[in-house]
Amino acid sequence: MGIAVTRIAEDGKTVVAPGERIGVDRALRAITIDAAYVIGMEEKVGSLIPGKFADFAVLEGDPYAVDPTKIKDIPVWGTVLSGKLHKSER
């Protein structure tokens, strides 16, 4: 998600194809409902609506509230799988 928003290369400085940057909203959609569509599972995963699996990551920060270059640094608190919280063991 962070790379899609910033287009910063591995060296941490070079911006590759800056015209291809997308916003946080679009990046979140790309890794959720759009990704589910690509793998043919949009009826089961990709968004939080009744009847779908509610498996998702819980972040320790808000990707909307941090500088786009810091999105990659937001720790994952844990996950929710089958309605149960699972704290990360880092």
PDB file of N, CA and C in Angstrom:
ATOM      1  N   MET A   1       0.823  -1.187   0.000  1.00  0.00           N
ATOM      2  CA  MET A   1       0.000   0.000   0.000  1.00  0.00           C
ATOM      3  C   MET A   1       0.868   1.252   0.000  1.00  0.00           C
ATOM      4  N   GLY A   2       1.891   1.248   0.842  1.00  0.00           N
ATOM      5  CA  GLY A   2       2.769   2.407   0.927  1.00  0.00           C
ATOM      6  C   GLY A   2       3.462   2.707  -0.384  1.00  0.00           C
ATOM      7  N   ILE A   3       3.895   1.677  -1.075  1.00  0.00           N
ATOM      8  CA  ILE A   3       4.565   1.871  -2.368  1.00  0.00           C
ATOM      9  C   ILE A   3       3.596   2.431  -3.397  1.00  0.00           C
ATOM     10  N   ALA A   4       2.372   1.943  -3.399  1.00  0.00           N
ATOM     11  CA  ALA A   4       1.382   2.446  -4.357  1.00  0.00           C
ATOM     12  C   ALA A   4       1.083   3.924  -4.129  1.00  0.00           C
ATOM     13  N   VAL A   5       1.120   4.350  -2.868  1.00  0.00           N
ATOM     14  CA  VAL A   5       0.825   5.742  -2.531  1.00  0.00           C
ATOM     15  C   VAL A   5       2.019   6.661  -2.814  1.00  0.00           C
ATOM     16  N   THR A   6       3.236   6.168  -2.545  1.00  0.00           N
ATOM     17  CA  THR A   6       4.412   7.030  -2.682  1.00  0.00           C
ATOM     18  C   THR A   6       5.209   6.813  -3.962  1.00  0.00           C
ATOM     19  N   ARG A   7       5.229   5.573  -4.470  1.00  0.00           N
ATOM     20  CA  ARG A   7       6.031   5.169  -5.637  1.00  0.00           C
ATOM     21  C   ARG A   7       7.522   5.359  -5.374  1.00  0.00           C
ATOM     22  N   ILE A   8       7.933   5.223  -4.105  1.00  0.00           N
ATOM     23  CA  ILE A   8       9.344   5.338  -3.742  1.00  0.00           C
ATOM     24  C   ILE A   8      10.008   3.975  -3.912  1.00  0.00           C
ATOM     25  N   ALA A   9      11.145   3.963  -4.609  1.00  0.00           N
ATOM     26  CA  ALA A   9      11.875   2.740  -4.915  1.00  0.00           C
ATOM     27  C   ALA A   9      12.588   2.180  -3.687  1.00  0.00           C
ATOM     28  N   GLU A  10      13.214   1.024  -3.870  1.00  0.00           N
ATOM     29  CA  GLU A  10      13.914   0.338  -2.782  1.00  0.00           C
ATOM     30  C   GLU A  10      15.002   1.167  -2.128  1.00  0.00           C
ATOM     31  N   ASP A  11      15.601   2.083  -2.888  1.00  0.00           N
ATOM     32  CA  ASP A  11      16.674   2.892  -2.310  1.00  0.00           C
ATOM     33  C   ASP A  11      16.158   3.914  -1.298  1.00  0.00           C
ATOM     34  N   GLY A  12      14.827   4.044  -1.198  1.00  0.00           N
ATOM     35  CA  GLY A  12      14.222   4.959  -0.236  1.00  0.00           C
ATOM     36  C   GLY A  12      14.201   6.406  -0.655  1.00  0.00           C
ATOM     37  N   LYS A  13      14.694   6.696  -1.866  1.00  0.00           N
ATOM     38  CA  LYS A  13      14.763   8.085  -2.328  1.00  0.00           C
ATOM     39  C   LYS A  13      14.116   8.295  -3.693  1.00  0.00           C
ATOM     40  N   THR A  14      14.386   7.394  -4.610  1.00  0.00           N
ATOM     41  CA  THR A  14      13.946   7.552  -5.991  1.00  0.00           C
ATOM     42  C   THR A  14      12.442   7.343  -6.106  1.00  0.00           C
ATOM     43  N   VAL A  15      11.760   8.301  -6.731  1.00  0.00           N
ATOM     44  CA  VAL A  15      10.335   8.161  -6.998  1.00  0.00           C
ATOM     45  C   VAL A  15      10.189   7.634  -8.417  1.00  0.00           C
ATOM     46  N   VAL A  16       9.609   6.456  -8.537  1.00  0.00           N
ATOM     47  CA  VAL A  16       9.429   5.806  -9.825  1.00  0.00           C
ATOM     48  C   VAL A  16       8.004   6.070 -10.323  1.00  0.00           C
ATOM     49  N   ALA A  17       7.888   6.579 -11.530  1.00  0.00           N
ATOM     50  CA  ALA A  17       6.589   6.839 -12.154  1.00  0.00           C
ATOM     51  C   ALA A  17       5.651   7.607 -11.219  1.00  0.00           C
ATOM     52  N   PRO A  18       6.018   8.838 -10.860  1.00  0.00           N
ATOM     53  CA  PRO A  18       5.191   9.599  -9.921  1.00  0.00           C
ATOM     54  C   PRO A  18       3.749   9.801 -10.397  1.00  0.00           C
ATOM     55  N   GLY A  19       3.528   9.779 -11.691  1.00  0.00           N
ATOM     56  CA  GLY A  19       2.177   9.924 -12.217  1.00  0.00           C
ATOM     57  C   GLY A  19       1.290   8.726 -11.929  1.00  0.00           C
ATOM     58  N   GLU A  20       1.883   7.638 -11.457  1.00  0.00           N
ATOM     59  CA  GLU A  20       1.115   6.430 -11.138  1.00  0.00           C
ATOM     60  C   GLU A  20       0.774   6.318  -9.658  1.00  0.00           C
ATOM     61  N   ARG A  21       1.114   7.334  -8.866  1.00  0.00           N
ATOM     62  CA  ARG A  21       0.740   7.323  -7.447  1.00  0.00           C
ATOM     63  C   ARG A  21      -0.782   7.296  -7.326  1.00  0.00           C
ATOM     64  N   ILE A  22      -1.248   6.627  -6.285  1.00  0.00           N
ATOM     65  CA  ILE A  22      -2.682   6.625  -5.997  1.00  0.00           C
ATOM     66  C   ILE A  22      -2.874   7.055  -4.548  1.00  0.00           C
ATOM     67  N   GLY A  23      -4.064   7.495  -4.224  1.00  0.00           N
ATOM     68  CA  GLY A  23      -4.368   7.936  -2.867  1.00  0.00           C
ATOM     69  C   GLY A  23      -4.585   6.762  -1.919  1.00  0.00           C
ATOM     70  N   VAL A  24      -4.646   7.069  -0.640  1.00  0.00           N
ATOM     71  CA  VAL A  24      -4.828   6.049   0.386  1.00  0.00           C
ATOM     72  C   VAL A  24      -6.139   5.295   0.177  1.00  0.00           C
ATOM     73  N   ASP A  25      -7.224   5.991  -0.126  1.00  0.00           N
ATOM     74  CA  ASP A  25      -8.509   5.317  -0.380  1.00  0.00           C
ATOM     75  C   ASP A  25      -8.368   4.272  -1.486  1.00  0.00           C
ATOM     76  N   ARG A  26      -7.781   4.683  -2.589  1.00  0.00           N
ATOM     77  CA  ARG A  26      -7.630   3.791  -3.735  1.00  0.00           C
ATOM     78  C   ARG A  26      -6.699   2.632  -3.407  1.00  0.00           C
ATOM     79  N   ALA A  27      -5.642   2.890  -2.651  1.00  0.00           N
ATOM     80  CA  ALA A  27      -4.705   1.829  -2.269  1.00  0.00           C
ATOM     81  C   ALA A  27      -5.379   0.801  -1.358  1.00  0.00           C
ATOM     82  N   LEU A  28      -6.173   1.259  -0.394  1.00  0.00           N
ATOM     83  CA  LEU A  28      -6.889   0.324   0.477  1.00  0.00           C
ATOM     84  C   LEU A  28      -7.868  -0.523  -0.329  1.00  0.00           C
ATOM     85  N   ARG A  29      -8.533   0.100  -1.263  1.00  0.00           N
ATOM     86  CA  ARG A  29      -9.452  -0.663  -2.117  1.00  0.00           C
ATOM     87  C   ARG A  29      -8.695  -1.703  -2.944  1.00  0.00           C
ATOM     88  N   ALA A  30      -7.509  -1.326  -3.435  1.00  0.00           N
ATOM     89  CA  ALA A  30      -6.714  -2.234  -4.262  1.00  0.00           C
ATOM     90  C   ALA A  30      -6.309  -3.496  -3.502  1.00  0.00           C
ATOM     91  N   ILE A  31      -6.063  -3.367  -2.189  1.00  0.00           N
ATOM     92  CA  ILE A  31      -5.615  -4.534  -1.423  1.00  0.00           C
ATOM     93  C   ILE A  31      -6.751  -5.251  -0.705  1.00  0.00           C
ATOM     94  N   THR A  32      -7.975  -4.793  -0.910  1.00  0.00           N
ATOM     95  CA  THR A  32      -9.123  -5.444  -0.272  1.00  0.00           C
ATOM     96  C   THR A  32     -10.105  -5.936  -1.338  1.00  0.00           C
ATOM     97  N   ILE A  33     -11.118  -5.174  -1.640  1.00  0.00           N
ATOM     98  CA  ILE A  33     -12.177  -5.638  -2.538  1.00  0.00           C
ATOM     99  C   ILE A  33     -11.676  -5.868  -3.972  1.00  0.00           C
ATOM    100  N   ASP A  34     -10.759  -5.035  -4.446  1.00  0.00           N
ATOM    101  CA  ASP A  34     -10.250  -5.249  -5.805  1.00  0.00           C
ATOM    102  C   ASP A  34      -9.400  -6.512  -5.878  1.00  0.00           C
ATOM    103  N   ALA A  35      -8.595  -6.770  -4.853  1.00  0.00           N
ATOM    104  CA  ALA A  35      -7.790  -7.995  -4.825  1.00  0.00           C
ATOM    105  C   ALA A  35      -8.697  -9.225  -4.756  1.00  0.00           C
ATOM    106  N   ALA A  36      -9.763  -9.141  -3.981  1.00  0.00           N
ATOM    107  CA  ALA A  36     -10.716 -10.255  -3.898  1.00  0.00           C
ATOM    108  C   ALA A  36     -11.348 -10.523  -5.267  1.00  0.00           C
ATOM    109  N   TYR A  37     -11.664  -9.472  -5.982  1.00  0.00           N
ATOM    110  CA  TYR A  37     -12.235  -9.614  -7.322  1.00  0.00           C
ATOM    111  C   TYR A  37     -11.262 -10.312  -8.271  1.00  0.00           C
ATOM    112  N   VAL A  38     -10.005  -9.914  -8.220  1.00  0.00           N
ATOM    113  CA  VAL A  38      -8.987 -10.486  -9.107  1.00  0.00           C
ATOM    114  C   VAL A  38      -8.870 -11.997  -8.909  1.00  0.00           C
ATOM    115  N   ILE A  39      -8.997 -12.459  -7.665  1.00  0.00           N
ATOM    116  CA  ILE A  39      -8.889 -13.899  -7.422  1.00  0.00           C
ATOM    117  C   ILE A  39     -10.252 -14.606  -7.410  1.00  0.00           C
ATOM    118  N   GLY A  40     -11.291 -13.892  -7.812  1.00  0.00           N
ATOM    119  CA  GLY A  40     -12.614 -14.495  -7.932  1.00  0.00           C
ATOM    120  C   GLY A  40     -13.285 -14.808  -6.605  1.00  0.00           C
ATOM    121  N   MET A  41     -12.937 -14.081  -5.555  1.00  0.00           N
ATOM    122  CA  MET A  41     -13.517 -14.356  -4.235  1.00  0.00           C
ATOM    123  C   MET A  41     -14.280 -13.165  -3.659  1.00  0.00           C
ATOM    124  N   GLU A  42     -14.683 -12.238  -4.515  1.00  0.00           N
ATOM    125  CA  GLU A  42     -15.341 -11.026  -4.015  1.00  0.00           C
ATOM    126  C   GLU A  42     -16.661 -11.291  -3.306  1.00  0.00           C
ATOM    127  N   GLU A  43     -17.244 -12.474  -3.505  1.00  0.00           N
ATOM    128  CA  GLU A  43     -18.483 -12.806  -2.795  1.00  0.00           C
ATOM    129  C   GLU A  43     -18.206 -13.309  -1.379  1.00  0.00           C
ATOM    130  N   LYS A  44     -16.927 -13.628  -1.085  1.00  0.00           N
ATOM    131  CA  LYS A  44     -16.580 -14.189   0.213  1.00  0.00           C
ATOM    132  C   LYS A  44     -15.663 -13.303   1.047  1.00  0.00           C
ATOM    133  N   VAL A  45     -14.804 -12.525   0.394  1.00  0.00           N
ATOM    134  CA  VAL A  45     -13.817 -11.714   1.118  1.00  0.00           C
ATOM    135  C   VAL A  45     -13.675 -10.349   0.456  1.00  0.00           C
ATOM    136  N   GLY A  46     -12.917  -9.472   1.085  1.00  0.00           N
ATOM    137  CA  GLY A  46     -12.586  -8.188   0.477  1.00  0.00           C
ATOM    138  C   GLY A  46     -13.302  -6.987   1.046  1.00  0.00           C
ATOM    139  N   SER A  47     -14.403  -7.223   1.738  1.00  0.00           N
ATOM    140  CA  SER A  47     -15.127  -6.126   2.384  1.00  0.00           C
ATOM    141  C   SER A  47     -15.873  -6.690   3.585  1.00  0.00           C
ATOM    142  N   LEU A  48     -16.241  -5.803   4.481  1.00  0.00           N
ATOM    143  CA  LEU A  48     -16.925  -6.234   5.700  1.00  0.00           C
ATOM    144  C   LEU A  48     -18.425  -6.018   5.564  1.00  0.00           C
ATOM    145  N   ILE A  49     -19.081  -7.051   5.081  1.00  0.00           N
ATOM    146  CA  ILE A  49     -20.543  -7.033   4.976  1.00  0.00           C
ATOM    147  C   ILE A  49     -21.070  -8.394   5.425  1.00  0.00           C
ATOM    148  N   PRO A  50     -22.324  -8.443   5.888  1.00  0.00           N
ATOM    149  CA  PRO A  50     -22.883  -9.718   6.348  1.00  0.00           C
ATOM    150  C   PRO A  50     -22.760 -10.800   5.274  1.00  0.00           C
ATOM    151  N   GLY A  51     -22.364 -11.979   5.718  1.00  0.00           N
ATOM    152  CA  GLY A  51     -22.250 -13.124   4.820  1.00  0.00           C
ATOM    153  C   GLY A  51     -20.836 -13.371   4.302  1.00  0.00           C
ATOM    154  N   LYS A  52     -19.942 -12.402   4.493  1.00  0.00           N
ATOM    155  CA  LYS A  52     -18.558 -12.586   4.061  1.00  0.00           C
ATOM    156  C   LYS A  52     -17.687 -12.929   5.264  1.00  0.00           C
ATOM    157  N   PHE A  53     -16.531 -13.565   4.974  1.00  0.00           N
ATOM    158  CA  PHE A  53     -15.563 -13.805   6.037  1.00  0.00           C
ATOM    159  C   PHE A  53     -15.058 -12.454   6.529  1.00  0.00           C
ATOM    160  N   ALA A  54     -14.945 -12.319   7.837  1.00  0.00           N
ATOM    161  CA  ALA A  54     -14.465 -11.056   8.413  1.00  0.00           C
ATOM    162  C   ALA A  54     -13.053 -11.261   8.948  1.00  0.00           C
ATOM    163  N   ASP A  55     -12.152 -11.679   8.072  1.00  0.00           N
ATOM    164  CA  ASP A  55     -10.757 -11.882   8.440  1.00  0.00           C
ATOM    165  C   ASP A  55      -9.981 -10.655   7.976  1.00  0.00           C
ATOM    166  N   PHE A  56      -9.277 -10.004   8.906  1.00  0.00           N
ATOM    167  CA  PHE A  56      -8.566  -8.788   8.539  1.00  0.00           C
ATOM    168  C   PHE A  56      -7.442  -8.499   9.518  1.00  0.00           C
ATOM    169  N   ALA A  57      -6.522  -7.635   9.088  1.00  0.00           N
ATOM    170  CA  ALA A  57      -5.425  -7.191   9.937  1.00  0.00           C
ATOM    171  C   ALA A  57      -5.865  -5.996  10.765  1.00  0.00           C
ATOM    172  N   VAL A  58      -5.326  -5.903  11.975  1.00  0.00           N
ATOM    173  CA  VAL A  58      -5.577  -4.768  12.853  1.00  0.00           C
ATOM    174  C   VAL A  58      -4.253  -4.003  12.972  1.00  0.00           C
ATOM    175  N   LEU A  59      -4.257  -2.786  12.485  1.00  0.00           N
ATOM    176  CA  LEU A  59      -3.050  -1.964  12.513  1.00  0.00           C
ATOM    177  C   LEU A  59      -2.976  -1.148  13.799  1.00  0.00           C
ATOM    178  N   GLU A  60      -1.758  -0.778  14.189  1.00  0.00           N
ATOM    179  CA  GLU A  60      -1.571   0.053  15.382  1.00  0.00           C
ATOM    180  C   GLU A  60      -1.660   1.540  15.064  1.00  0.00           C
ATOM    181  N   GLY A  61      -1.777   1.873  13.803  1.00  0.00           N
ATOM    182  CA  GLY A  61      -1.884   3.267  13.406  1.00  0.00           C
ATOM    183  C   GLY A  61      -2.863   3.417  12.261  1.00  0.00           C
ATOM    184  N   ASP A  62      -3.212   4.637  11.998  1.00  0.00           N
ATOM    185  CA  ASP A  62      -4.172   4.962  10.948  1.00  0.00           C
ATOM    186  C   ASP A  62      -3.429   5.380   9.676  1.00  0.00           C
ATOM    187  N   PRO A  63      -3.544   4.614   8.590  1.00  0.00           N
ATOM    188  CA  PRO A  63      -2.837   4.983   7.360  1.00  0.00           C
ATOM    189  C   PRO A  63      -3.268   6.337   6.794  1.00  0.00           C
ATOM    190  N   TYR A  64      -4.424   6.821   7.207  1.00  0.00           N
ATOM    191  CA  TYR A  64      -4.884   8.142   6.767  1.00  0.00           C
ATOM    192  C   TYR A  64      -4.218   9.260   7.580  1.00  0.00           C
ATOM    193  N   ALA A  65      -3.731   8.933   8.768  1.00  0.00           N
ATOM    194  CA  ALA A  65      -3.225   9.959   9.681  1.00  0.00           C
ATOM    195  C   ALA A  65      -1.710  10.132   9.637  1.00  0.00           C
ATOM    196  N   VAL A  66      -1.011   9.215   8.975  1.00  0.00           N
ATOM    197  CA  VAL A  66       0.454   9.317   8.932  1.00  0.00           C
ATOM    198  C   VAL A  66       0.915   9.853   7.580  1.00  0.00           C
ATOM    199  N   ASP A  67       2.138  10.348   7.572  1.00  0.00           N
ATOM    200  CA  ASP A  67       2.761  10.747   6.316  1.00  0.00           C
ATOM    201  C   ASP A  67       2.788   9.522   5.393  1.00  0.00           C
ATOM    202  N   PRO A  68       2.460   9.675   4.125  1.00  0.00           N
ATOM    203  CA  PRO A  68       2.437   8.520   3.220  1.00  0.00           C
ATOM    204  C   PRO A  68       3.722   7.690   3.224  1.00  0.00           C
ATOM    205  N   THR A  69       4.871   8.329   3.469  1.00  0.00           N
ATOM    206  CA  THR A  69       6.124   7.577   3.495  1.00  0.00           C
ATOM    207  C   THR A  69       6.245   6.704   4.745  1.00  0.00           C
ATOM    208  N   LYS A  70       5.362   6.896   5.714  1.00  0.00           N
ATOM    209  CA  LYS A  70       5.402   6.130   6.963  1.00  0.00           C
ATOM    210  C   LYS A  70       4.367   5.005   7.005  1.00  0.00           C
ATOM    211  N   ILE A  71       3.543   4.879   5.991  1.00  0.00           N
ATOM    212  CA  ILE A  71       2.526   3.819   5.981  1.00  0.00           C
ATOM    213  C   ILE A  71       3.177   2.456   6.158  1.00  0.00           C
ATOM    214  N   LYS A  72       4.297   2.247   5.496  1.00  0.00           N
ATOM    215  CA  LYS A  72       4.988   0.954   5.572  1.00  0.00           C
ATOM    216  C   LYS A  72       5.482   0.641   6.975  1.00  0.00           C
ATOM    217  N   ASP A  73       5.596   1.642   7.817  1.00  0.00           N
ATOM    218  CA  ASP A  73       6.117   1.454   9.172  1.00  0.00           C
ATOM    219  C   ASP A  73       5.031   1.225  10.225  1.00  0.00           C
ATOM    220  N   ILE A  74       3.770   1.259   9.834  1.00  0.00           N
ATOM    221  CA  ILE A  74       2.688   1.039  10.797  1.00  0.00           C
ATOM    222  C   ILE A  74       2.723  -0.427  11.232  1.00  0.00           C
ATOM    223  N   PRO A  75       2.911  -0.676  12.531  1.00  0.00           N
ATOM    224  CA  PRO A  75       2.944  -2.064  12.997  1.00  0.00           C
ATOM    225  C   PRO A  75       1.572  -2.727  12.894  1.00  0.00           C
ATOM    226  N   VAL A  76       1.592  -4.023  12.690  1.00  0.00           N
ATOM    227  CA  VAL A  76       0.365  -4.818  12.710  1.00  0.00           C
ATOM    228  C   VAL A  76       0.169  -5.293  14.144  1.00  0.00           C
ATOM    229  N   TRP A  77      -0.941  -4.892  14.756  1.00  0.00           N
ATOM    230  CA  TRP A  77      -1.244  -5.308  16.121  1.00  0.00           C
ATOM    231  C   TRP A  77      -1.551  -6.796  16.152  1.00  0.00           C
ATOM    232  N   GLY A  78      -2.306  -7.237  15.157  1.00  0.00           N
ATOM    233  CA  GLY A  78      -2.708  -8.632  15.082  1.00  0.00           C
ATOM    234  C   GLY A  78      -3.705  -8.819  13.954  1.00  0.00           C
ATOM    235  N   THR A  79      -4.489  -9.865  14.072  1.00  0.00           N
ATOM    236  CA  THR A  79      -5.501 -10.161  13.056  1.00  0.00           C
ATOM    237  C   THR A  79      -6.808 -10.563  13.721  1.00  0.00           C
ATOM    238  N   VAL A  80      -7.853 -10.516  12.929  1.00  0.00           N
ATOM    239  CA  VAL A  80      -9.139 -11.084  13.333  1.00  0.00           C
ATOM    240  C   VAL A  80      -9.422 -12.195  12.331  1.00  0.00           C
ATOM    241  N   LEU A  81      -9.548 -13.410  12.838  1.00  0.00           N
ATOM    242  CA  LEU A  81      -9.857 -14.566  12.001  1.00  0.00           C
ATOM    243  C   LEU A  81     -11.064 -15.275  12.581  1.00  0.00           C
ATOM    244  N   SER A  82     -12.065 -15.457  11.767  1.00  0.00           N
ATOM    245  CA  SER A  82     -13.303 -16.111  12.207  1.00  0.00           C
ATOM    246  C   SER A  82     -13.869 -15.442  13.449  1.00  0.00           C
ATOM    247  N   GLY A  83     -13.761 -14.114  13.524  1.00  0.00           N
ATOM    248  CA  GLY A  83     -14.318 -13.357  14.624  1.00  0.00           C
ATOM    249  C   GLY A  83     -13.493 -13.357  15.892  1.00  0.00           C
ATOM    250  N   LYS A  84     -12.298 -13.969  15.866  1.00  0.00           N
ATOM    251  CA  LYS A  84     -11.467 -14.023  17.057  1.00  0.00           C
ATOM    252  C   LYS A  84     -10.205 -13.181  16.869  1.00  0.00           C
ATOM    253  N   LEU A  85      -9.898 -12.390  17.905  1.00  0.00           N
ATOM    254  CA  LEU A  85      -8.688 -11.567  17.897  1.00  0.00           C
ATOM    255  C   LEU A  85      -7.452 -12.434  18.129  1.00  0.00           C
ATOM    256  N   HIS A  86      -6.423 -12.181  17.348  1.00  0.00           N
ATOM    257  CA  HIS A  86      -5.138 -12.867  17.511  1.00  0.00           C
ATOM    258  C   HIS A  86      -4.051 -11.808  17.530  1.00  0.00           C
ATOM    259  N   LYS A  87      -3.468 -11.566  18.700  1.00  0.00           N
ATOM    260  CA  LYS A  87      -2.431 -10.556  18.842  1.00  0.00           C
ATOM    261  C   LYS A  87      -1.133 -11.066  18.232  1.00  0.00           C
ATOM    262  N   SER A  88      -0.432 -10.171  17.551  1.00  0.00           N
ATOM    263  CA  SER A  88       0.857 -10.500  16.957  1.00  0.00           C
ATOM    264  C   SER A  88       1.844 -10.899  18.049  1.00  0.00           C
ATOM    265  N   GLU A  89       2.735 -11.813  17.717  1.00  0.00           N
ATOM    266  CA  GLU A  89       3.719 -12.283  18.695  1.00  0.00           C
ATOM    267  C   GLU A  89       5.096 -11.698  18.406  1.00  0.00           C
ATOM    268  N   ARG A  90       5.177 -10.428  18.108  1.00  0.00           N
ATOM    269  CA  ARG A  90       6.489  -9.848  17.797  1.00  0.00           C
ATOM    270  C   ARG A  90       7.253  -9.513  19.008  1.00  0.00           C
TER     271      ARG A  90
END
